[in-house]
Amino acid sequence: MKRVIKGVLYLLVMIALLIIFLPKINLYYAMEKMMAKKSIYVSDEDLKDRGVSFHIENARVFFEKLPLAQVEAISLKPWILYNSIEVDTIRLNEGFADFLPSKIDKIELKYWVFNPLYLKINGQSKESMFYGDIDLLKRILRIHLRLDAASEKQYKTMLSKLTPEEGGYLYEYKF
């Protein structure tokens, strides 16, 4: 019995050391290169490796060299079995105000190793909330959007592209 406990303890220590010493900043730069292939650029960000998590603060996001958004904070938690990305306070460029809320309070992406083919996503803003998943095998993003009545009138252009469903709207994208 002692050997089993000792083996489990060694395994837990190895996982903890792997999480702490994972080269998170290098992984971030590799992700930036992948995003650049899709014409998405991030600049002016402050990177902070905090051992068990990685934080990006005050990032400016560009799409095809046009300013898209200002992101206050992004927190990545690579914990091997459970990984998450939390994005706090996204302020979109004024040019997108007719299509999307100008401020999104929070977006969360979660990956659980026991459900390896799906990423869960949810988020909220002052007037809306959404949830959904990304099917990694079929390569489909599904978002269920719930809006208040005032937002439904304001974002008619965006909502015309979505499929109405009970209590809200559905967006599907195959990538």
N, C-alpha and C. Protein backbone atom coordinates (compact mmCIF):
# COMPACT_ATOMS: atom_id res chain seq x y z
N MET A 1 0.82 -1.19 0.00
CA MET A 1 0.00 0.00 0.00
C MET A 1 0.87 1.27 0.00
N LYS A 2 1.99 1.19 0.74
CA LYS A 2 2.88 2.35 0.80
C LYS A 2 3.44 2.69 -0.58
N ARG A 3 3.73 1.65 -1.38
CA ARG A 3 4.26 1.89 -2.72
C ARG A 3 3.26 2.61 -3.61
N VAL A 4 1.99 2.25 -3.50
CA VAL A 4 0.95 2.90 -4.30
C VAL A 4 0.82 4.37 -3.91
N ILE A 5 0.78 4.64 -2.62
CA ILE A 5 0.68 6.02 -2.14
C ILE A 5 1.90 6.82 -2.56
N LYS A 6 3.07 6.21 -2.43
CA LYS A 6 4.31 6.87 -2.82
C LYS A 6 4.32 7.14 -4.33
N GLY A 7 3.87 6.20 -5.14
CA GLY A 7 3.79 6.37 -6.60
C GLY A 7 2.84 7.48 -7.00
N VAL A 8 1.68 7.52 -6.37
CA VAL A 8 0.69 8.57 -6.64
C VAL A 8 1.25 9.93 -6.24
N LEU A 9 1.91 9.99 -5.10
CA LEU A 9 2.51 11.24 -4.64
C LEU A 9 3.57 11.73 -5.61
N TYR A 10 4.44 10.83 -6.10
CA TYR A 10 5.45 11.21 -7.10
C TYR A 10 4.79 11.72 -8.39
N LEU A 11 3.73 11.07 -8.81
CA LEU A 11 3.01 11.48 -10.02
C LEU A 11 2.43 12.88 -9.86
N LEU A 12 1.83 13.15 -8.70
CA LEU A 12 1.25 14.48 -8.45
C LEU A 12 2.33 15.56 -8.42
N VAL A 13 3.47 15.26 -7.82
CA VAL A 13 4.58 16.22 -7.79
C VAL A 13 5.09 16.48 -9.20
N MET A 14 5.21 15.44 -10.01
CA MET A 14 5.68 15.61 -11.40
C MET A 14 4.70 16.46 -12.21
N ILE A 15 3.41 16.24 -12.03
CA ILE A 15 2.41 17.05 -12.74
C ILE A 15 2.50 18.50 -12.29
N ALA A 16 2.63 18.73 -10.98
CA ALA A 16 2.75 20.10 -10.47
C ALA A 16 3.99 20.79 -11.03
N LEU A 17 5.11 20.08 -11.07
CA LEU A 17 6.33 20.67 -11.62
C LEU A 17 6.19 20.95 -13.12
N LEU A 18 5.52 20.07 -13.83
CA LEU A 18 5.28 20.28 -15.26
C LEU A 18 4.45 21.54 -15.48
N ILE A 19 3.42 21.72 -14.70
CA ILE A 19 2.58 22.92 -14.83
C ILE A 19 3.38 24.18 -14.52
N ILE A 20 4.16 24.15 -13.46
CA ILE A 20 4.90 25.34 -13.04
C ILE A 20 5.99 25.70 -14.04
N PHE A 21 6.70 24.71 -14.56
CA PHE A 21 7.84 24.99 -15.45
C PHE A 21 7.50 24.92 -16.93
N LEU A 22 6.24 24.78 -17.27
CA LEU A 22 5.81 24.80 -18.67
C LEU A 22 6.18 26.15 -19.29
N PRO A 23 6.81 26.17 -20.45
CA PRO A 23 7.22 27.46 -21.05
C PRO A 23 6.02 28.21 -21.64
N LYS A 24 5.23 28.81 -20.78
CA LYS A 24 3.98 29.45 -21.18
C LYS A 24 4.19 30.63 -22.12
N ILE A 25 5.22 31.42 -21.91
CA ILE A 25 5.48 32.58 -22.77
C ILE A 25 5.85 32.11 -24.17
N ASN A 26 6.66 31.06 -24.28
CA ASN A 26 7.00 30.53 -25.60
C ASN A 26 5.77 29.96 -26.31
N LEU A 27 4.89 29.32 -25.56
CA LEU A 27 3.66 28.82 -26.16
C LEU A 27 2.79 29.98 -26.65
N TYR A 28 2.78 31.08 -25.90
CA TYR A 28 2.02 32.25 -26.32
C TYR A 28 2.56 32.80 -27.65
N TYR A 29 3.87 32.89 -27.77
CA TYR A 29 4.44 33.40 -29.02
C TYR A 29 4.16 32.45 -30.19
N ALA A 30 4.13 31.16 -29.95
CA ALA A 30 3.77 30.19 -30.99
C ALA A 30 2.31 30.39 -31.41
N MET A 31 1.44 30.67 -30.43
CA MET A 31 0.03 30.93 -30.74
C MET A 31 -0.11 32.22 -31.55
N GLU A 32 0.70 33.23 -31.23
CA GLU A 32 0.67 34.49 -31.99
C GLU A 32 1.04 34.25 -33.45
N LYS A 33 2.02 33.39 -33.71
CA LYS A 33 2.39 33.07 -35.08
C LYS A 33 1.25 32.38 -35.82
N MET A 34 0.54 31.50 -35.14
CA MET A 34 -0.61 30.83 -35.76
C MET A 34 -1.72 31.82 -36.06
N MET A 35 -1.96 32.79 -35.16
CA MET A 35 -3.00 33.79 -35.39
C MET A 35 -2.61 34.73 -36.53
N ALA A 36 -1.32 35.00 -36.69
CA ALA A 36 -0.85 35.88 -37.76
C ALA A 36 -1.17 35.29 -39.13
N LYS A 37 -1.21 33.97 -39.24
CA LYS A 37 -1.59 33.33 -40.50
C LYS A 37 -3.03 33.64 -40.88
N LYS A 38 -3.86 33.94 -39.88
CA LYS A 38 -5.27 34.30 -40.10
C LYS A 38 -5.46 35.82 -40.06
N SER A 39 -4.38 36.58 -40.11
CA SER A 39 -4.38 38.05 -40.10
C SER A 39 -4.91 38.63 -38.80
N ILE A 40 -4.69 37.93 -37.69
CA ILE A 40 -5.07 38.42 -36.36
C ILE A 40 -3.78 38.72 -35.61
N TYR A 41 -3.65 39.95 -35.13
CA TYR A 41 -2.43 40.38 -34.46
C TYR A 41 -2.77 40.94 -33.08
N VAL A 42 -1.87 40.71 -32.12
CA VAL A 42 -2.02 41.23 -30.77
C VAL A 42 -0.79 42.07 -30.48
N SER A 43 -1.01 43.27 -29.93
CA SER A 43 0.14 44.13 -29.62
C SER A 43 -0.06 44.84 -28.29
N ASP A 44 1.01 45.44 -27.80
CA ASP A 44 1.03 46.25 -26.57
C ASP A 44 0.62 45.46 -25.33
N GLU A 45 0.75 44.14 -25.36
CA GLU A 45 0.33 43.32 -24.23
C GLU A 45 1.44 43.19 -23.20
N ASP A 46 1.04 43.03 -21.95
CA ASP A 46 1.97 42.75 -20.84
C ASP A 46 1.81 41.28 -20.48
N LEU A 47 2.89 40.49 -20.57
CA LEU A 47 2.85 39.07 -20.30
C LEU A 47 3.38 38.79 -18.90
N LYS A 48 2.67 37.93 -18.15
CA LYS A 48 3.09 37.59 -16.79
C LYS A 48 2.89 36.10 -16.55
N ASP A 49 3.99 35.40 -16.33
CA ASP A 49 3.94 33.98 -15.98
C ASP A 49 3.89 33.89 -14.47
N ARG A 50 2.80 33.37 -13.93
CA ARG A 50 2.63 33.31 -12.48
C ARG A 50 2.68 31.88 -11.96
N GLY A 51 3.52 31.07 -12.55
CA GLY A 51 3.68 29.69 -12.08
C GLY A 51 2.60 28.77 -12.60
N VAL A 52 1.46 28.74 -11.93
CA VAL A 52 0.39 27.84 -12.34
C VAL A 52 -0.57 28.47 -13.34
N SER A 53 -0.38 29.75 -13.65
CA SER A 53 -1.23 30.41 -14.64
C SER A 53 -0.40 31.43 -15.42
N PHE A 54 -0.98 31.91 -16.49
CA PHE A 54 -0.32 32.86 -17.37
C PHE A 54 -1.30 33.98 -17.66
N HIS A 55 -0.87 35.23 -17.51
CA HIS A 55 -1.76 36.37 -17.68
C HIS A 55 -1.25 37.30 -18.77
N ILE A 56 -2.20 37.80 -19.56
CA ILE A 56 -1.93 38.79 -20.59
C ILE A 56 -2.81 39.99 -20.25
N GLU A 57 -2.21 41.16 -20.14
CA GLU A 57 -2.98 42.33 -19.74
C GLU A 57 -2.83 43.43 -20.78
N ASN A 58 -3.90 44.21 -20.94
CA ASN A 58 -3.93 45.39 -21.81
C ASN A 58 -3.50 45.09 -23.24
N ALA A 59 -4.10 44.09 -23.83
CA ALA A 59 -3.76 43.71 -25.20
C ALA A 59 -4.67 44.43 -26.20
N ARG A 60 -4.08 44.83 -27.29
CA ARG A 60 -4.84 45.41 -28.40
C ARG A 60 -4.88 44.38 -29.52
N VAL A 61 -6.07 44.10 -30.05
CA VAL A 61 -6.25 43.07 -31.07
C VAL A 61 -6.58 43.74 -32.40
N PHE A 62 -5.88 43.30 -33.44
CA PHE A 62 -6.08 43.82 -34.79
C PHE A 62 -6.47 42.68 -35.71
N PHE A 63 -7.34 42.97 -36.66
CA PHE A 63 -7.69 42.01 -37.71
C PHE A 63 -7.40 42.68 -39.05
N GLU A 64 -6.49 42.08 -39.80
CA GLU A 64 -6.04 42.65 -41.07
C GLU A 64 -5.63 44.12 -40.91
N LYS A 65 -4.87 44.39 -39.87
CA LYS A 65 -4.31 45.70 -39.54
C LYS A 65 -5.35 46.76 -39.16
N LEU A 66 -6.60 46.35 -38.97
CA LEU A 66 -7.64 47.25 -38.48
C LEU A 66 -7.85 46.98 -36.99
N PRO A 67 -7.93 48.03 -36.16
CA PRO A 67 -8.13 47.80 -34.72
C PRO A 67 -9.49 47.14 -34.47
N LEU A 68 -9.47 46.02 -33.78
CA LEU A 68 -10.69 45.27 -33.52
C LEU A 68 -11.17 45.46 -32.08
N ALA A 69 -10.24 45.31 -31.11
CA ALA A 69 -10.66 45.35 -29.71
C ALA A 69 -9.50 45.66 -28.79
N GLN A 70 -9.87 46.10 -27.59
CA GLN A 70 -8.93 46.28 -26.48
C GLN A 70 -9.36 45.28 -25.41
N VAL A 71 -8.44 44.41 -24.98
CA VAL A 71 -8.74 43.39 -23.99
C VAL A 71 -8.01 43.72 -22.71
N GLU A 72 -8.75 43.83 -21.62
CA GLU A 72 -8.16 44.21 -20.34
C GLU A 72 -7.30 43.09 -19.77
N ALA A 73 -7.81 41.86 -19.73
CA ALA A 73 -7.04 40.77 -19.13
C ALA A 73 -7.44 39.42 -19.72
N ILE A 74 -6.43 38.58 -19.92
CA ILE A 74 -6.63 37.20 -20.35
C ILE A 74 -5.85 36.33 -19.38
N SER A 75 -6.51 35.32 -18.85
CA SER A 75 -5.87 34.41 -17.90
C SER A 75 -5.93 33.00 -18.46
N LEU A 76 -4.77 32.37 -18.63
CA LEU A 76 -4.68 30.99 -19.11
C LEU A 76 -4.25 30.10 -17.96
N LYS A 77 -4.98 29.02 -17.76
CA LYS A 77 -4.65 28.08 -16.69
C LYS A 77 -4.47 26.69 -17.29
N PRO A 78 -3.23 26.32 -17.61
CA PRO A 78 -2.96 25.00 -18.20
C PRO A 78 -2.69 23.96 -17.11
N TRP A 79 -3.74 23.31 -16.63
CA TRP A 79 -3.59 22.38 -15.52
C TRP A 79 -3.69 20.92 -15.96
N ILE A 80 -3.23 20.62 -17.16
CA ILE A 80 -3.14 19.28 -17.73
C ILE A 80 -4.53 18.63 -17.90
N LEU A 81 -5.20 18.26 -16.85
CA LEU A 81 -6.51 17.60 -16.96
C LEU A 81 -7.63 18.59 -17.24
N TYR A 82 -7.50 19.80 -16.73
CA TYR A 82 -8.51 20.84 -16.90
C TYR A 82 -7.78 22.12 -17.28
N ASN A 83 -8.13 22.65 -18.45
CA ASN A 83 -7.50 23.87 -18.93
C ASN A 83 -8.58 24.93 -19.15
N SER A 84 -8.24 26.18 -18.87
CA SER A 84 -9.23 27.23 -19.10
C SER A 84 -8.55 28.52 -19.55
N ILE A 85 -9.33 29.29 -20.30
CA ILE A 85 -8.93 30.63 -20.70
C ILE A 85 -10.07 31.55 -20.31
N GLU A 86 -9.75 32.59 -19.55
CA GLU A 86 -10.75 33.58 -19.14
C GLU A 86 -10.34 34.93 -19.71
N VAL A 87 -11.25 35.55 -20.43
CA VAL A 87 -11.00 36.87 -21.03
C VAL A 87 -11.93 37.85 -20.33
N ASP A 88 -11.35 38.90 -19.74
CA ASP A 88 -12.14 39.88 -19.00
C ASP A 88 -12.13 41.22 -19.72
N THR A 89 -13.28 41.83 -19.82
CA THR A 89 -13.50 43.18 -20.31
C THR A 89 -12.89 43.41 -21.70
N ILE A 90 -13.68 43.10 -22.69
CA ILE A 90 -13.32 43.34 -24.08
C ILE A 90 -14.09 44.55 -24.56
N ARG A 91 -13.38 45.55 -25.03
CA ARG A 91 -14.01 46.74 -25.60
C ARG A 91 -13.78 46.72 -27.10
N LEU A 92 -14.86 46.54 -27.85
CA LEU A 92 -14.76 46.47 -29.31
C LEU A 92 -14.64 47.87 -29.90
N ASN A 93 -14.03 47.94 -31.06
CA ASN A 93 -13.89 49.19 -31.79
C ASN A 93 -15.28 49.75 -32.12
N GLU A 94 -15.39 51.06 -32.17
CA GLU A 94 -16.68 51.72 -32.40
C GLU A 94 -17.32 51.33 -33.73
N GLY A 95 -16.52 50.91 -34.70
CA GLY A 95 -17.05 50.52 -36.00
C GLY A 95 -17.91 49.27 -35.96
N PHE A 96 -17.82 48.50 -34.88
CA PHE A 96 -18.60 47.28 -34.75
C PHE A 96 -19.84 47.47 -33.87
N ALA A 97 -20.12 48.69 -33.45
CA ALA A 97 -21.21 48.96 -32.52
C ALA A 97 -22.58 48.58 -33.08
N ASP A 98 -22.74 48.60 -34.40
CA ASP A 98 -24.03 48.22 -34.98
C ASP A 98 -24.25 46.71 -34.98
N PHE A 99 -23.16 45.95 -34.85
CA PHE A 99 -23.26 44.51 -34.97
C PHE A 99 -23.14 43.78 -33.64
N LEU A 100 -22.31 44.30 -32.75
CA LEU A 100 -22.00 43.61 -31.49
C LEU A 100 -22.02 44.60 -30.33
N PRO A 101 -22.20 44.10 -29.11
CA PRO A 101 -22.09 44.99 -27.95
C PRO A 101 -20.69 45.60 -27.88
N SER A 102 -20.59 46.86 -27.50
CA SER A 102 -19.29 47.52 -27.47
C SER A 102 -18.41 47.04 -26.32
N LYS A 103 -19.02 46.45 -25.30
CA LYS A 103 -18.25 45.92 -24.18
C LYS A 103 -18.76 44.53 -23.81
N ILE A 104 -17.85 43.58 -23.80
CA ILE A 104 -18.17 42.21 -23.37
C ILE A 104 -17.44 42.01 -22.05
N ASP A 105 -18.18 41.67 -21.02
CA ASP A 105 -17.62 41.57 -19.68
C ASP A 105 -16.70 40.37 -19.49
N LYS A 106 -17.11 39.21 -19.99
CA LYS A 106 -16.31 38.01 -19.72
C LYS A 106 -16.60 36.94 -20.77
N ILE A 107 -15.53 36.24 -21.17
CA ILE A 107 -15.63 35.06 -22.02
C ILE A 107 -14.76 33.98 -21.38
N GLU A 108 -15.30 32.77 -21.29
CA GLU A 108 -14.55 31.65 -20.72
C GLU A 108 -14.54 30.48 -21.69
N LEU A 109 -13.38 29.90 -21.90
CA LEU A 109 -13.21 28.67 -22.67
C LEU A 109 -12.68 27.61 -21.71
N LYS A 110 -13.28 26.41 -21.73
CA LYS A 110 -12.84 25.37 -20.80
C LYS A 110 -12.66 24.06 -21.56
N TYR A 111 -11.58 23.35 -21.22
CA TYR A 111 -11.29 22.05 -21.81
C TYR A 111 -11.08 21.05 -20.69
N TRP A 112 -11.78 19.95 -20.75
CA TRP A 112 -11.69 18.91 -19.75
C TRP A 112 -11.22 17.65 -20.45
N VAL A 113 -10.16 17.01 -19.96
CA VAL A 113 -9.55 15.86 -20.62
C VAL A 113 -10.51 14.66 -20.70
N PHE A 114 -11.49 14.59 -19.84
CA PHE A 114 -12.44 13.49 -19.88
C PHE A 114 -13.54 13.70 -20.93
N ASN A 115 -13.56 14.86 -21.56
CA ASN A 115 -14.43 15.15 -22.70
C ASN A 115 -13.55 15.80 -23.76
N PRO A 116 -12.61 15.05 -24.34
CA PRO A 116 -11.53 15.65 -25.13
C PRO A 116 -11.93 16.23 -26.48
N LEU A 117 -13.11 15.94 -26.97
CA LEU A 117 -13.49 16.40 -28.30
C LEU A 117 -14.26 17.72 -28.28
N TYR A 118 -14.46 18.30 -27.10
CA TYR A 118 -15.25 19.52 -26.99
C TYR A 118 -14.55 20.58 -26.14
N LEU A 119 -14.69 21.82 -26.54
CA LEU A 119 -14.34 22.97 -25.72
C LEU A 119 -15.65 23.63 -25.34
N LYS A 120 -15.84 23.94 -24.10
CA LYS A 120 -17.03 24.67 -23.65
C LYS A 120 -16.72 26.15 -23.66
N ILE A 121 -17.69 26.95 -24.08
CA ILE A 121 -17.51 28.40 -24.13
C ILE A 121 -18.75 29.06 -23.55
N ASN A 122 -18.53 30.12 -22.77
CA ASN A 122 -19.65 30.94 -22.30
C ASN A 122 -19.16 32.35 -22.06
N GLY A 123 -20.09 33.28 -22.07
CA GLY A 123 -19.72 34.67 -21.89
C GLY A 123 -20.93 35.52 -21.56
N GLN A 124 -20.64 36.76 -21.23
CA GLN A 124 -21.73 37.68 -20.88
C GLN A 124 -21.31 39.12 -21.11
N SER A 125 -22.31 39.92 -21.38
CA SER A 125 -22.13 41.37 -21.43
C SER A 125 -23.29 41.96 -20.64
N LYS A 126 -23.40 43.26 -20.65
CA LYS A 126 -24.45 43.92 -19.87
C LYS A 126 -25.84 43.48 -20.34
N GLU A 127 -26.01 43.35 -21.65
CA GLU A 127 -27.34 43.07 -22.19
C GLU A 127 -27.51 41.68 -22.78
N SER A 128 -26.50 40.84 -22.70
CA SER A 128 -26.62 39.52 -23.30
C SER A 128 -25.76 38.49 -22.58
N MET A 129 -26.02 37.23 -22.91
CA MET A 129 -25.17 36.14 -22.45
C MET A 129 -25.19 35.07 -23.53
N PHE A 130 -24.12 34.30 -23.58
CA PHE A 130 -24.07 33.22 -24.55
C PHE A 130 -23.34 32.02 -23.95
N TYR A 131 -23.62 30.87 -24.53
CA TYR A 131 -22.94 29.64 -24.15
C TYR A 131 -22.89 28.74 -25.38
N GLY A 132 -22.00 27.81 -25.37
CA GLY A 132 -21.90 26.91 -26.50
C GLY A 132 -20.72 25.98 -26.38
N ASP A 133 -20.37 25.37 -27.50
CA ASP A 133 -19.24 24.47 -27.51
C ASP A 133 -18.57 24.48 -28.88
N ILE A 134 -17.36 23.96 -28.88
CA ILE A 134 -16.61 23.79 -30.11
C ILE A 134 -16.35 22.30 -30.24
N ASP A 135 -16.90 21.69 -31.28
CA ASP A 135 -16.69 20.28 -31.57
C ASP A 135 -15.39 20.17 -32.35
N LEU A 136 -14.35 19.65 -31.73
CA LEU A 136 -13.04 19.59 -32.36
C LEU A 136 -12.95 18.54 -33.46
N LEU A 137 -13.76 17.49 -33.36
CA LEU A 137 -13.74 16.44 -34.37
C LEU A 137 -14.45 16.89 -35.65
N LYS A 138 -15.66 17.43 -35.49
CA LYS A 138 -16.43 17.90 -36.65
C LYS A 138 -16.04 19.32 -37.07
N ARG A 139 -15.25 19.99 -36.23
CA ARG A 139 -14.79 21.36 -36.47
C ARG A 139 -15.98 22.33 -36.64
N ILE A 140 -16.86 22.31 -35.65
CA ILE A 140 -18.05 23.17 -35.66
C ILE A 140 -18.12 23.96 -34.35
N LEU A 141 -18.35 25.26 -34.48
CA LEU A 141 -18.59 26.14 -33.33
C LEU A 141 -20.09 26.39 -33.25
N ARG A 142 -20.69 26.13 -32.09
CA ARG A 142 -22.11 26.40 -31.84
C ARG A 142 -22.23 27.36 -30.67
N ILE A 143 -22.93 28.47 -30.91
CA ILE A 143 -23.14 29.47 -29.85
C ILE A 143 -24.64 29.71 -29.72
N HIS A 144 -25.13 29.63 -28.49
CA HIS A 144 -26.52 29.95 -28.18
C HIS A 144 -26.51 31.32 -27.51
N LEU A 145 -27.21 32.27 -28.11
CA LEU A 145 -27.18 33.66 -27.67
C LEU A 145 -28.52 34.04 -27.07
N ARG A 146 -28.49 34.69 -25.92
CA ARG A 146 -29.69 35.20 -25.24
C ARG A 146 -29.53 36.71 -25.08
N LEU A 147 -30.51 37.48 -25.57
CA LEU A 147 -30.46 38.94 -25.52
C LEU A 147 -31.68 39.50 -24.81
N ASP A 148 -31.55 40.72 -24.28
CA ASP A 148 -32.74 41.39 -23.76
C ASP A 148 -33.46 42.07 -24.94
N ALA A 149 -34.66 42.58 -24.70
CA ALA A 149 -35.51 43.12 -25.77
C ALA A 149 -34.87 44.33 -26.46
N ALA A 150 -34.23 45.21 -25.70
CA ALA A 150 -33.60 46.40 -26.30
C ALA A 150 -32.46 46.01 -27.24
N SER A 151 -31.71 45.01 -26.88
CA SER A 151 -30.60 44.56 -27.72
C SER A 151 -31.09 43.91 -29.00
N GLU A 152 -32.23 43.23 -28.93
CA GLU A 152 -32.76 42.61 -30.15
C GLU A 152 -33.09 43.66 -31.19
N LYS A 153 -33.55 44.82 -30.76
CA LYS A 153 -33.84 45.91 -31.70
C LYS A 153 -32.55 46.54 -32.21
N GLN A 154 -31.58 46.70 -31.34
CA GLN A 154 -30.34 47.39 -31.70
C GLN A 154 -29.46 46.58 -32.65
N TYR A 155 -29.44 45.26 -32.50
CA TYR A 155 -28.53 44.42 -33.27
C TYR A 155 -29.26 43.59 -34.33
N LYS A 156 -30.24 44.19 -35.00
CA LYS A 156 -31.01 43.47 -36.01
C LYS A 156 -30.14 42.96 -37.14
N THR A 157 -29.11 43.70 -37.52
CA THR A 157 -28.22 43.27 -38.61
C THR A 157 -27.54 41.96 -38.26
N MET A 158 -27.01 41.86 -37.06
CA MET A 158 -26.34 40.64 -36.63
C MET A 158 -27.34 39.50 -36.48
N LEU A 159 -28.48 39.77 -35.88
CA LEU A 159 -29.46 38.73 -35.60
C LEU A 159 -30.07 38.15 -36.87
N SER A 160 -30.08 38.92 -37.96
CA SER A 160 -30.62 38.39 -39.21
C SER A 160 -29.75 37.26 -39.76
N LYS A 161 -28.50 37.19 -39.35
CA LYS A 161 -27.56 36.14 -39.79
C LYS A 161 -27.63 34.89 -38.90
N LEU A 162 -28.35 34.97 -37.78
CA LEU A 162 -28.43 33.86 -36.83
C LEU A 162 -29.74 33.11 -36.99
N THR A 163 -29.77 31.88 -36.54
CA THR A 163 -30.97 31.04 -36.59
C THR A 163 -31.76 31.24 -35.30
N PRO A 164 -33.04 31.66 -35.40
CA PRO A 164 -33.84 31.81 -34.18
C PRO A 164 -34.09 30.44 -33.54
N GLU A 165 -34.06 30.42 -32.23
CA GLU A 165 -34.40 29.22 -31.47
C GLU A 165 -35.18 29.65 -30.24
N GLU A 166 -35.72 28.69 -29.53
CA GLU A 166 -36.53 29.02 -28.36
C GLU A 166 -35.70 29.78 -27.33
N GLY A 167 -36.09 30.99 -27.02
CA GLY A 167 -35.41 31.80 -26.01
C GLY A 167 -34.21 32.57 -26.49
N GLY A 168 -33.88 32.49 -27.78
CA GLY A 168 -32.71 33.22 -28.26
C GLY A 168 -32.36 32.90 -29.70
N TYR A 169 -31.06 32.84 -29.96
CA TYR A 169 -30.56 32.62 -31.31
C TYR A 169 -29.42 31.62 -31.30
N LEU A 170 -29.21 30.96 -32.44
CA LEU A 170 -28.15 29.99 -32.58
C LEU A 170 -27.23 30.43 -33.70
N TYR A 171 -25.91 30.36 -33.44
CA TYR A 171 -24.90 30.65 -34.46
C TYR A 171 -24.06 29.39 -34.63
N GLU A 172 -23.89 28.94 -35.88
CA GLU A 172 -23.04 27.79 -36.16
C GLU A 172 -22.02 28.20 -37.21
N TYR A 173 -20.79 27.78 -36.97
CA TYR A 173 -19.71 28.10 -37.91
C TYR A 173 -18.84 26.86 -38.07
N LYS A 174 -18.64 26.44 -39.32
CA LYS A 174 -17.78 25.30 -39.61
C LYS A 174 -16.43 25.83 -40.04
N PHE A 175 -15.38 25.41 -39.35
CA PHE A 175 -14.03 25.90 -39.68
C PHE A 175 -13.14 24.78 -40.14
